[in-house]
Amino acid sequence: MKFRLMQTILGEVNEDDMMLDNENDPITTMYINGNEGILVEYPDVPGLYYLVWQDESYQYSLYGSFTSVSELMKIAEGVTTE
């Protein structure tokens, strides 16, 4: 498992837009700690996912290879800020 987590302060990006380049790959709406997110699966590379979501202060993106979507979601739901 290898992944990259990025956190961007809202205001540094357009707060209404989530940055996403999916190149027509399958997209699924997911909820991370009550916040709507977008999950992209890359069928040409099994186990490769990109998840982006935002809360009231930050936009997050999680990209990498995971054994399952469940594993990816556990990591995403563990991301908290104080």
PDB file of N, CA and C in Angstrom:
ATOM      1  N   MET A   1       0.851  -1.177   0.000  1.00  0.00           N
ATOM      2  CA  MET A   1       0.000   0.000   0.000  1.00  0.00           C
ATOM      3  C   MET A   1       0.893   1.235   0.000  1.00  0.00           C
ATOM      4  N   LYS A   2       0.627   2.120  -0.935  1.00  0.00           N
ATOM      5  CA  LYS A   2       1.283   3.420  -1.014  1.00  0.00           C
ATOM      6  C   LYS A   2       0.212   4.442  -1.329  1.00  0.00           C
ATOM      7  N   PHE A   3       0.263   5.569  -0.620  1.00  0.00           N
ATOM      8  CA  PHE A   3      -0.721   6.605  -0.917  1.00  0.00           C
ATOM      9  C   PHE A   3      -0.164   7.980  -0.580  1.00  0.00           C
ATOM     10  N   ARG A   4      -0.880   8.981  -1.084  1.00  0.00           N
ATOM     11  CA  ARG A   4      -0.533  10.377  -0.838  1.00  0.00           C
ATOM     12  C   ARG A   4      -1.789  11.081  -0.360  1.00  0.00           C
ATOM     13  N   LEU A   5      -1.671  11.802   0.751  1.00  0.00           N
ATOM     14  CA  LEU A   5      -2.767  12.587   1.296  1.00  0.00           C
ATOM     15  C   LEU A   5      -2.394  14.053   1.203  1.00  0.00           C
ATOM     16  N   MET A   6      -3.273  14.838   0.606  1.00  0.00           N
ATOM     17  CA  MET A   6      -3.035  16.276   0.512  1.00  0.00           C
ATOM     18  C   MET A   6      -4.187  17.007   1.176  1.00  0.00           C
ATOM     19  N   GLN A   7      -3.858  18.089   1.867  1.00  0.00           N
ATOM     20  CA  GLN A   7      -4.846  18.926   2.542  1.00  0.00           C
ATOM     21  C   GLN A   7      -4.631  20.358   2.067  1.00  0.00           C
ATOM     22  N   THR A   8      -5.695  20.993   1.598  1.00  0.00           N
ATOM     23  CA  THR A   8      -5.632  22.368   1.110  1.00  0.00           C
ATOM     24  C   THR A   8      -6.617  23.209   1.898  1.00  0.00           C
ATOM     25  N   ILE A   9      -6.188  24.372   2.346  1.00  0.00           N
ATOM     26  CA  ILE A   9      -7.076  25.276   3.068  1.00  0.00           C
ATOM     27  C   ILE A   9      -8.078  25.856   2.089  1.00  0.00           C
ATOM     28  N   LEU A  10      -9.370  25.775   2.432  1.00  0.00           N
ATOM     29  CA  LEU A  10     -10.380  26.388   1.570  1.00  0.00           C
ATOM     30  C   LEU A  10     -10.145  27.887   1.548  1.00  0.00           C
ATOM     31  N   GLY A  11     -10.341  28.485   0.423  1.00  0.00           N
ATOM     32  CA  GLY A  11      -9.987  29.882   0.235  1.00  0.00           C
ATOM     33  C   GLY A  11      -8.767  29.981  -0.663  1.00  0.00           C
ATOM     34  N   GLU A  12      -7.908  28.954  -0.597  1.00  0.00           N
ATOM     35  CA  GLU A  12      -6.774  28.876  -1.519  1.00  0.00           C
ATOM     36  C   GLU A  12      -7.218  28.280  -2.844  1.00  0.00           C
ATOM     37  N   VAL A  13      -8.394  27.633  -2.837  1.00  0.00           N
ATOM     38  CA  VAL A  13      -9.017  27.103  -4.047  1.00  0.00           C
ATOM     39  C   VAL A  13     -10.444  27.616  -4.048  1.00  0.00           C
ATOM     40  N   ASN A  14     -11.113  27.527  -5.193  1.00  0.00           N
ATOM     41  CA  ASN A  14     -12.516  27.908  -5.258  1.00  0.00           C
ATOM     42  C   ASN A  14     -13.305  26.969  -4.367  1.00  0.00           C
ATOM     43  N   GLU A  15     -13.956  27.493  -3.330  1.00  0.00           N
ATOM     44  CA  GLU A  15     -14.602  26.675  -2.316  1.00  0.00           C
ATOM     45  C   GLU A  15     -15.756  25.837  -2.844  1.00  0.00           C
ATOM     46  N   ASP A  16     -16.316  26.172  -3.992  1.00  0.00           N
ATOM     47  CA  ASP A  16     -17.431  25.416  -4.536  1.00  0.00           C
ATOM     48  C   ASP A  16     -16.973  24.282  -5.446  1.00  0.00           C
ATOM     49  N   ASP A  17     -15.712  24.243  -5.786  1.00  0.00           N
ATOM     50  CA  ASP A  17     -15.211  23.249  -6.731  1.00  0.00           C
ATOM     51  C   ASP A  17     -14.274  22.272  -6.042  1.00  0.00           C
ATOM     52  N   MET A  18     -14.438  20.996  -6.380  1.00  0.00           N
ATOM     53  CA  MET A  18     -13.471  19.997  -5.960  1.00  0.00           C
ATOM     54  C   MET A  18     -12.610  19.696  -7.166  1.00  0.00           C
ATOM     55  N   MET A  19     -11.296  19.723  -6.983  1.00  0.00           N
ATOM     56  CA  MET A  19     -10.379  19.461  -8.087  1.00  0.00           C
ATOM     57  C   MET A  19     -10.373  17.973  -8.399  1.00  0.00           C
ATOM     58  N   LEU A  20     -10.618  17.646  -9.673  1.00  0.00           N
ATOM     59  CA  LEU A  20     -10.694  16.238 -10.053  1.00  0.00           C
ATOM     60  C   LEU A  20     -10.405  16.087 -11.533  1.00  0.00           C
ATOM     61  N   ASP A  21      -9.522  15.157 -11.853  1.00  0.00           N
ATOM     62  CA  ASP A  21      -9.235  14.811 -13.237  1.00  0.00           C
ATOM     63  C   ASP A  21      -9.440  13.314 -13.361  1.00  0.00           C
ATOM     64  N   ASN A  22     -10.606  12.911 -13.880  1.00  0.00           N
ATOM     65  CA  ASN A  22     -10.925  11.486 -13.883  1.00  0.00           C
ATOM     66  C   ASN A  22     -10.771  10.820 -15.244  1.00  0.00           C
ATOM     67  N   GLU A  23     -10.580  11.571 -16.284  1.00  0.00           N
ATOM     68  CA  GLU A  23     -10.379  11.025 -17.631  1.00  0.00           C
ATOM     69  C   GLU A  23     -11.392   9.924 -17.961  1.00  0.00           C
ATOM     70  N   ASN A  24     -12.655  10.146 -17.614  1.00  0.00           N
ATOM     71  CA  ASN A  24     -13.765   9.237 -17.908  1.00  0.00           C
ATOM     72  C   ASN A  24     -13.705   7.915 -17.163  1.00  0.00           C
ATOM     73  N   ASP A  25     -12.968   7.843 -16.063  1.00  0.00           N
ATOM     74  CA  ASP A  25     -12.953   6.654 -15.225  1.00  0.00           C
ATOM     75  C   ASP A  25     -14.190   6.664 -14.330  1.00  0.00           C
ATOM     76  N   PRO A  26     -14.611   5.489 -13.838  1.00  0.00           N
ATOM     77  CA  PRO A  26     -15.824   5.412 -13.009  1.00  0.00           C
ATOM     78  C   PRO A  26     -15.726   6.280 -11.748  1.00  0.00           C
ATOM     79  N   ILE A  27     -16.815   7.001 -11.465  1.00  0.00           N
ATOM     80  CA  ILE A  27     -16.898   7.896 -10.305  1.00  0.00           C
ATOM     81  C   ILE A  27     -18.040   7.429  -9.412  1.00  0.00           C
ATOM     82  N   THR A  28     -17.795   7.453  -8.082  1.00  0.00           N
ATOM     83  CA  THR A  28     -18.799   7.094  -7.093  1.00  0.00           C
ATOM     84  C   THR A  28     -18.835   8.176  -6.030  1.00  0.00           C
ATOM     85  N   THR A  29     -20.031   8.558  -5.596  1.00  0.00           N
ATOM     86  CA  THR A  29     -20.168   9.489  -4.483  1.00  0.00           C
ATOM     87  C   THR A  29     -20.007   8.710  -3.182  1.00  0.00           C
ATOM     88  N   MET A  30     -19.146   9.218  -2.296  1.00  0.00           N
ATOM     89  CA  MET A  30     -18.882   8.592  -1.000  1.00  0.00           C
ATOM     90  C   MET A  30     -19.079   9.647   0.080  1.00  0.00           C
ATOM     91  N   TYR A  31     -19.275   9.217   1.309  1.00  0.00           N
ATOM     92  CA  TYR A  31     -19.399  10.146   2.434  1.00  0.00           C
ATOM     93  C   TYR A  31     -18.303   9.836   3.445  1.00  0.00           C
ATOM     94  N   ILE A  32     -17.525  10.867   3.778  1.00  0.00           N
ATOM     95  CA  ILE A  32     -16.426  10.757   4.713  1.00  0.00           C
ATOM     96  C   ILE A  32     -16.754  11.641   5.905  1.00  0.00           C
ATOM     97  N   ASN A  33     -17.015  11.019   7.044  1.00  0.00           N
ATOM     98  CA  ASN A  33     -17.384  11.756   8.260  1.00  0.00           C
ATOM     99  C   ASN A  33     -18.510  12.752   7.996  1.00  0.00           C
ATOM    100  N   GLY A  34     -19.488  12.335   7.202  1.00  0.00           N
ATOM    101  CA  GLY A  34     -20.652  13.173   6.899  1.00  0.00           C
ATOM    102  C   GLY A  34     -20.463  14.161   5.768  1.00  0.00           C
ATOM    103  N   ASN A  35     -19.280  14.196   5.168  1.00  0.00           N
ATOM    104  CA  ASN A  35     -18.999  15.128   4.066  1.00  0.00           C
ATOM    105  C   ASN A  35     -18.975  14.366   2.750  1.00  0.00           C
ATOM    106  N   GLU A  36     -19.643  14.929   1.747  1.00  0.00           N
ATOM    107  CA  GLU A  36     -19.705  14.279   0.440  1.00  0.00           C
ATOM    108  C   GLU A  36     -18.346  14.318  -0.244  1.00  0.00           C
ATOM    109  N   GLY A  37     -17.992  13.211  -0.852  1.00  0.00           N
ATOM    110  CA  GLY A  37     -16.743  13.122  -1.580  1.00  0.00           C
ATOM    111  C   GLY A  37     -16.934  12.384  -2.894  1.00  0.00           C
ATOM    112  N   ILE A  38     -15.894  12.376  -3.690  1.00  0.00           N
ATOM    113  CA  ILE A  38     -15.928  11.718  -4.988  1.00  0.00           C
ATOM    114  C   ILE A  38     -14.787  10.711  -5.030  1.00  0.00           C
ATOM    115  N   LEU A  39     -15.121   9.474  -5.372  1.00  0.00           N
ATOM    116  CA  LEU A  39     -14.148   8.400  -5.495  1.00  0.00           C
ATOM    117  C   LEU A  39     -14.000   8.041  -6.971  1.00  0.00           C
ATOM    118  N   VAL A  40     -12.769   8.022  -7.441  1.00  0.00           N
ATOM    119  CA  VAL A  40     -12.473   7.614  -8.812  1.00  0.00           C
ATOM    120  C   VAL A  40     -11.723   6.289  -8.747  1.00  0.00           C
ATOM    121  N   GLU A  41     -12.192   5.313  -9.526  1.00  0.00           N
ATOM    122  CA  GLU A  41     -11.506   4.030  -9.644  1.00  0.00           C
ATOM    123  C   GLU A  41     -10.841   3.981 -11.013  1.00  0.00           C
ATOM    124  N   TYR A  42      -9.670   3.400 -11.075  1.00  0.00           N
ATOM    125  CA  TYR A  42      -8.929   3.286 -12.320  1.00  0.00           C
ATOM    126  C   TYR A  42      -8.925   1.817 -12.747  1.00  0.00           C
ATOM    127  N   PRO A  43      -9.865   1.409 -13.609  1.00  0.00           N
ATOM    128  CA  PRO A  43      -9.995  -0.004 -13.967  1.00  0.00           C
ATOM    129  C   PRO A  43      -8.749  -0.602 -14.626  1.00  0.00           C
ATOM    130  N   ASP A  44      -7.946   0.212 -15.265  1.00  0.00           N
ATOM    131  CA  ASP A  44      -6.732  -0.286 -15.911  1.00  0.00           C
ATOM    132  C   ASP A  44      -5.645  -0.644 -14.900  1.00  0.00           C
ATOM    133  N   VAL A  45      -5.783  -0.131 -13.656  1.00  0.00           N
ATOM    134  CA  VAL A  45      -4.803  -0.400 -12.595  1.00  0.00           C
ATOM    135  C   VAL A  45      -5.573  -0.829 -11.347  1.00  0.00           C
ATOM    136  N   PRO A  46      -5.834  -2.110 -11.188  1.00  0.00           N
ATOM    137  CA  PRO A  46      -6.603  -2.579 -10.034  1.00  0.00           C
ATOM    138  C   PRO A  46      -5.994  -2.117  -8.702  1.00  0.00           C
ATOM    139  N   GLY A  47      -6.864  -1.617  -7.829  1.00  0.00           N
ATOM    140  CA  GLY A  47      -6.417  -1.161  -6.513  1.00  0.00           C
ATOM    141  C   GLY A  47      -6.008   0.287  -6.458  1.00  0.00           C
ATOM    142  N   LEU A  48      -5.995   0.986  -7.600  1.00  0.00           N
ATOM    143  CA  LEU A  48      -5.622   2.398  -7.630  1.00  0.00           C
ATOM    144  C   LEU A  48      -6.885   3.243  -7.528  1.00  0.00           C
ATOM    145  N   TYR A  49      -6.898   4.168  -6.547  1.00  0.00           N
ATOM    146  CA  TYR A  49      -8.076   5.009  -6.294  1.00  0.00           C
ATOM    147  C   TYR A  49      -7.653   6.444  -6.041  1.00  0.00           C
ATOM    148  N   TYR A  50      -8.599   7.350  -6.279  1.00  0.00           N
ATOM    149  CA  TYR A  50      -8.437   8.769  -5.953  1.00  0.00           C
ATOM    150  C   TYR A  50      -9.713   9.206  -5.269  1.00  0.00           C
ATOM    151  N   LEU A  51      -9.591   9.777  -4.074  1.00  0.00           N
ATOM    152  CA  LEU A  51     -10.744  10.238  -3.306  1.00  0.00           C
ATOM    153  C   LEU A  51     -10.527  11.698  -2.956  1.00  0.00           C
ATOM    154  N   VAL A  52     -11.533  12.526  -3.197  1.00  0.00           N
ATOM    155  CA  VAL A  52     -11.451  13.941  -2.842  1.00  0.00           C
ATOM    156  C   VAL A  52     -12.721  14.318  -2.099  1.00  0.00           C
ATOM    157  N   TRP A  53     -12.568  15.109  -1.018  1.00  0.00           N
ATOM    158  CA  TRP A  53     -13.701  15.592  -0.234  1.00  0.00           C
ATOM    159  C   TRP A  53     -13.288  16.863   0.493  1.00  0.00           C
ATOM    160  N   GLN A  54     -14.269  17.532   1.063  1.00  0.00           N
ATOM    161  CA  GLN A  54     -13.956  18.732   1.835  1.00  0.00           C
ATOM    162  C   GLN A  54     -14.882  18.840   3.024  1.00  0.00           C
ATOM    163  N   ASP A  55     -14.384  19.515   4.061  1.00  0.00           N
ATOM    164  CA  ASP A  55     -15.208  19.849   5.208  1.00  0.00           C
ATOM    165  C   ASP A  55     -15.362  21.368   5.225  1.00  0.00           C
ATOM    166  N   GLU A  56     -15.683  21.943   6.352  1.00  0.00           N
ATOM    167  CA  GLU A  56     -15.912  23.393   6.380  1.00  0.00           C
ATOM    168  C   GLU A  56     -14.627  24.208   6.245  1.00  0.00           C
ATOM    169  N   SER A  57     -13.471  23.603   6.447  1.00  0.00           N
ATOM    170  CA  SER A  57     -12.209  24.349   6.415  1.00  0.00           C
ATOM    171  C   SER A  57     -11.206  23.894   5.367  1.00  0.00           C
ATOM    172  N   TYR A  58     -11.253  22.608   4.985  1.00  0.00           N
ATOM    173  CA  TYR A  58     -10.211  22.048   4.138  1.00  0.00           C
ATOM    174  C   TYR A  58     -10.773  21.198   3.007  1.00  0.00           C
ATOM    175  N   GLN A  59      -9.973  21.081   1.969  1.00  0.00           N
ATOM    176  CA  GLN A  59     -10.218  20.093   0.922  1.00  0.00           C
ATOM    177  C   GLN A  59      -9.111  19.053   1.045  1.00  0.00           C
ATOM    178  N   TYR A  60      -9.499  17.783   0.943  1.00  0.00           N
ATOM    179  CA  TYR A  60      -8.553  16.679   1.077  1.00  0.00           C
ATOM    180  C   TYR A  60      -8.559  15.861  -0.202  1.00  0.00           C
ATOM    181  N   SER A  61      -7.412  15.305  -0.536  1.00  0.00           N
ATOM    182  CA  SER A  61      -7.351  14.333  -1.618  1.00  0.00           C
ATOM    183  C   SER A  61      -6.441  13.201  -1.175  1.00  0.00           C
ATOM    184  N   LEU A  62      -6.894  11.993  -1.446  1.00  0.00           N
ATOM    185  CA  LEU A  62      -6.198  10.780  -1.063  1.00  0.00           C
ATOM    186  C   LEU A  62      -6.059   9.945  -2.328  1.00  0.00           C
ATOM    187  N   TYR A  63      -4.818   9.677  -2.720  1.00  0.00           N
ATOM    188  CA  TYR A  63      -4.544   8.988  -3.974  1.00  0.00           C
ATOM    189  C   TYR A  63      -3.528   7.884  -3.723  1.00  0.00           C
ATOM    190  N   GLY A  64      -3.789   6.717  -4.279  1.00  0.00           N
ATOM    191  CA  GLY A  64      -2.798   5.661  -4.166  1.00  0.00           C
ATOM    192  C   GLY A  64      -3.370   4.288  -4.390  1.00  0.00           C
ATOM    193  N   SER A  65      -2.566   3.286  -4.042  1.00  0.00           N
ATOM    194  CA  SER A  65      -2.988   1.896  -4.209  1.00  0.00           C
ATOM    195  C   SER A  65      -3.412   1.343  -2.848  1.00  0.00           C
ATOM    196  N   PHE A  66      -4.557   0.678  -2.837  1.00  0.00           N
ATOM    197  CA  PHE A  66      -5.147   0.134  -1.625  1.00  0.00           C
ATOM    198  C   PHE A  66      -5.638  -1.277  -1.914  1.00  0.00           C
ATOM    199  N   THR A  67      -5.728  -2.101  -0.878  1.00  0.00           N
ATOM    200  CA  THR A  67      -6.219  -3.459  -1.074  1.00  0.00           C
ATOM    201  C   THR A  67      -7.719  -3.480  -1.330  1.00  0.00           C
ATOM    202  N   SER A  68      -8.431  -2.427  -0.873  1.00  0.00           N
ATOM    203  CA  SER A  68      -9.879  -2.357  -1.081  1.00  0.00           C
ATOM    204  C   SER A  68     -10.366  -0.933  -0.855  1.00  0.00           C
ATOM    205  N   VAL A  69     -11.579  -0.664  -1.300  1.00  0.00           N
ATOM    206  CA  VAL A  69     -12.209   0.632  -1.037  1.00  0.00           C
ATOM    207  C   VAL A  69     -12.416   0.790   0.463  1.00  0.00           C
ATOM    208  N   SER A  70     -12.720  -0.304   1.149  1.00  0.00           N
ATOM    209  CA  SER A  70     -12.911  -0.274   2.600  1.00  0.00           C
ATOM    210  C   SER A  70     -11.653   0.230   3.309  1.00  0.00           C
ATOM    211  N   GLU A  71     -10.494  -0.238   2.878  1.00  0.00           N
ATOM    212  CA  GLU A  71      -9.231   0.213   3.456  1.00  0.00           C
ATOM    213  C   GLU A  71      -9.032   1.712   3.209  1.00  0.00           C
ATOM    214  N   LEU A  72      -9.303   2.157   1.998  1.00  0.00           N
ATOM    215  CA  LEU A  72      -9.215   3.573   1.649  1.00  0.00           C
ATOM    216  C   LEU A  72     -10.125   4.406   2.538  1.00  0.00           C
ATOM    217  N   MET A  73     -11.366   3.949   2.730  1.00  0.00           N
ATOM    218  CA  MET A  73     -12.326   4.702   3.535  1.00  0.00           C
ATOM    219  C   MET A  73     -11.909   4.766   4.999  1.00  0.00           C
ATOM    220  N   LYS A  74     -11.329   3.718   5.541  1.00  0.00           N
ATOM    221  CA  LYS A  74     -10.851   3.742   6.929  1.00  0.00           C
ATOM    222  C   LYS A  74      -9.791   4.821   7.109  1.00  0.00           C
ATOM    223  N   ILE A  75      -8.898   4.937   6.146  1.00  0.00           N
ATOM    224  CA  ILE A  75      -7.857   5.964   6.214  1.00  0.00           C
ATOM    225  C   ILE A  75      -8.485   7.346   6.110  1.00  0.00           C
ATOM    226  N   ALA A  76      -9.384   7.537   5.147  1.00  0.00           N
ATOM    227  CA  ALA A  76     -10.025   8.845   4.955  1.00  0.00           C
ATOM    228  C   ALA A  76     -10.804   9.252   6.206  1.00  0.00           C
ATOM    229  N   GLU A  77     -11.543   8.329   6.795  1.00  0.00           N
ATOM    230  CA  GLU A  77     -12.349   8.655   7.980  1.00  0.00           C
ATOM    231  C   GLU A  77     -11.480   8.925   9.202  1.00  0.00           C
ATOM    232  N   GLY A  78     -10.229   8.501   9.167  1.00  0.00           N
ATOM    233  CA  GLY A  78      -9.307   8.785  10.262  1.00  0.00           C
ATOM    234  C   GLY A  78      -8.666  10.153  10.175  1.00  0.00           C
ATOM    235  N   VAL A  79      -8.872  10.857   9.064  1.00  0.00           N
ATOM    236  CA  VAL A  79      -8.310  12.197   8.897  1.00  0.00           C
ATOM    237  C   VAL A  79      -9.168  13.184   9.670  1.00  0.00           C
ATOM    238  N   THR A  80      -8.584  13.803  10.676  1.00  0.00           N
ATOM    239  CA  THR A  80      -9.310  14.803  11.476  1.00  0.00           C
ATOM    240  C   THR A  80      -8.412  16.018  11.695  1.00  0.00           C
ATOM    241  N   THR A  81      -9.037  17.137  11.970  1.00  0.00           N
ATOM    242  CA  THR A  81      -8.309  18.358  12.296  1.00  0.00           C
ATOM    243  C   THR A  81      -8.907  18.941  13.566  1.00  0.00           C
ATOM    244  N   GLU A  82      -8.124  19.726  14.241  1.00  0.00           N
ATOM    245  CA  GLU A  82      -8.613  20.351  15.485  1.00  0.00           C
ATOM    246  C   GLU A  82      -8.741  21.833  15.295  1.00  0.00           C
TER     247      GLU A  82
END
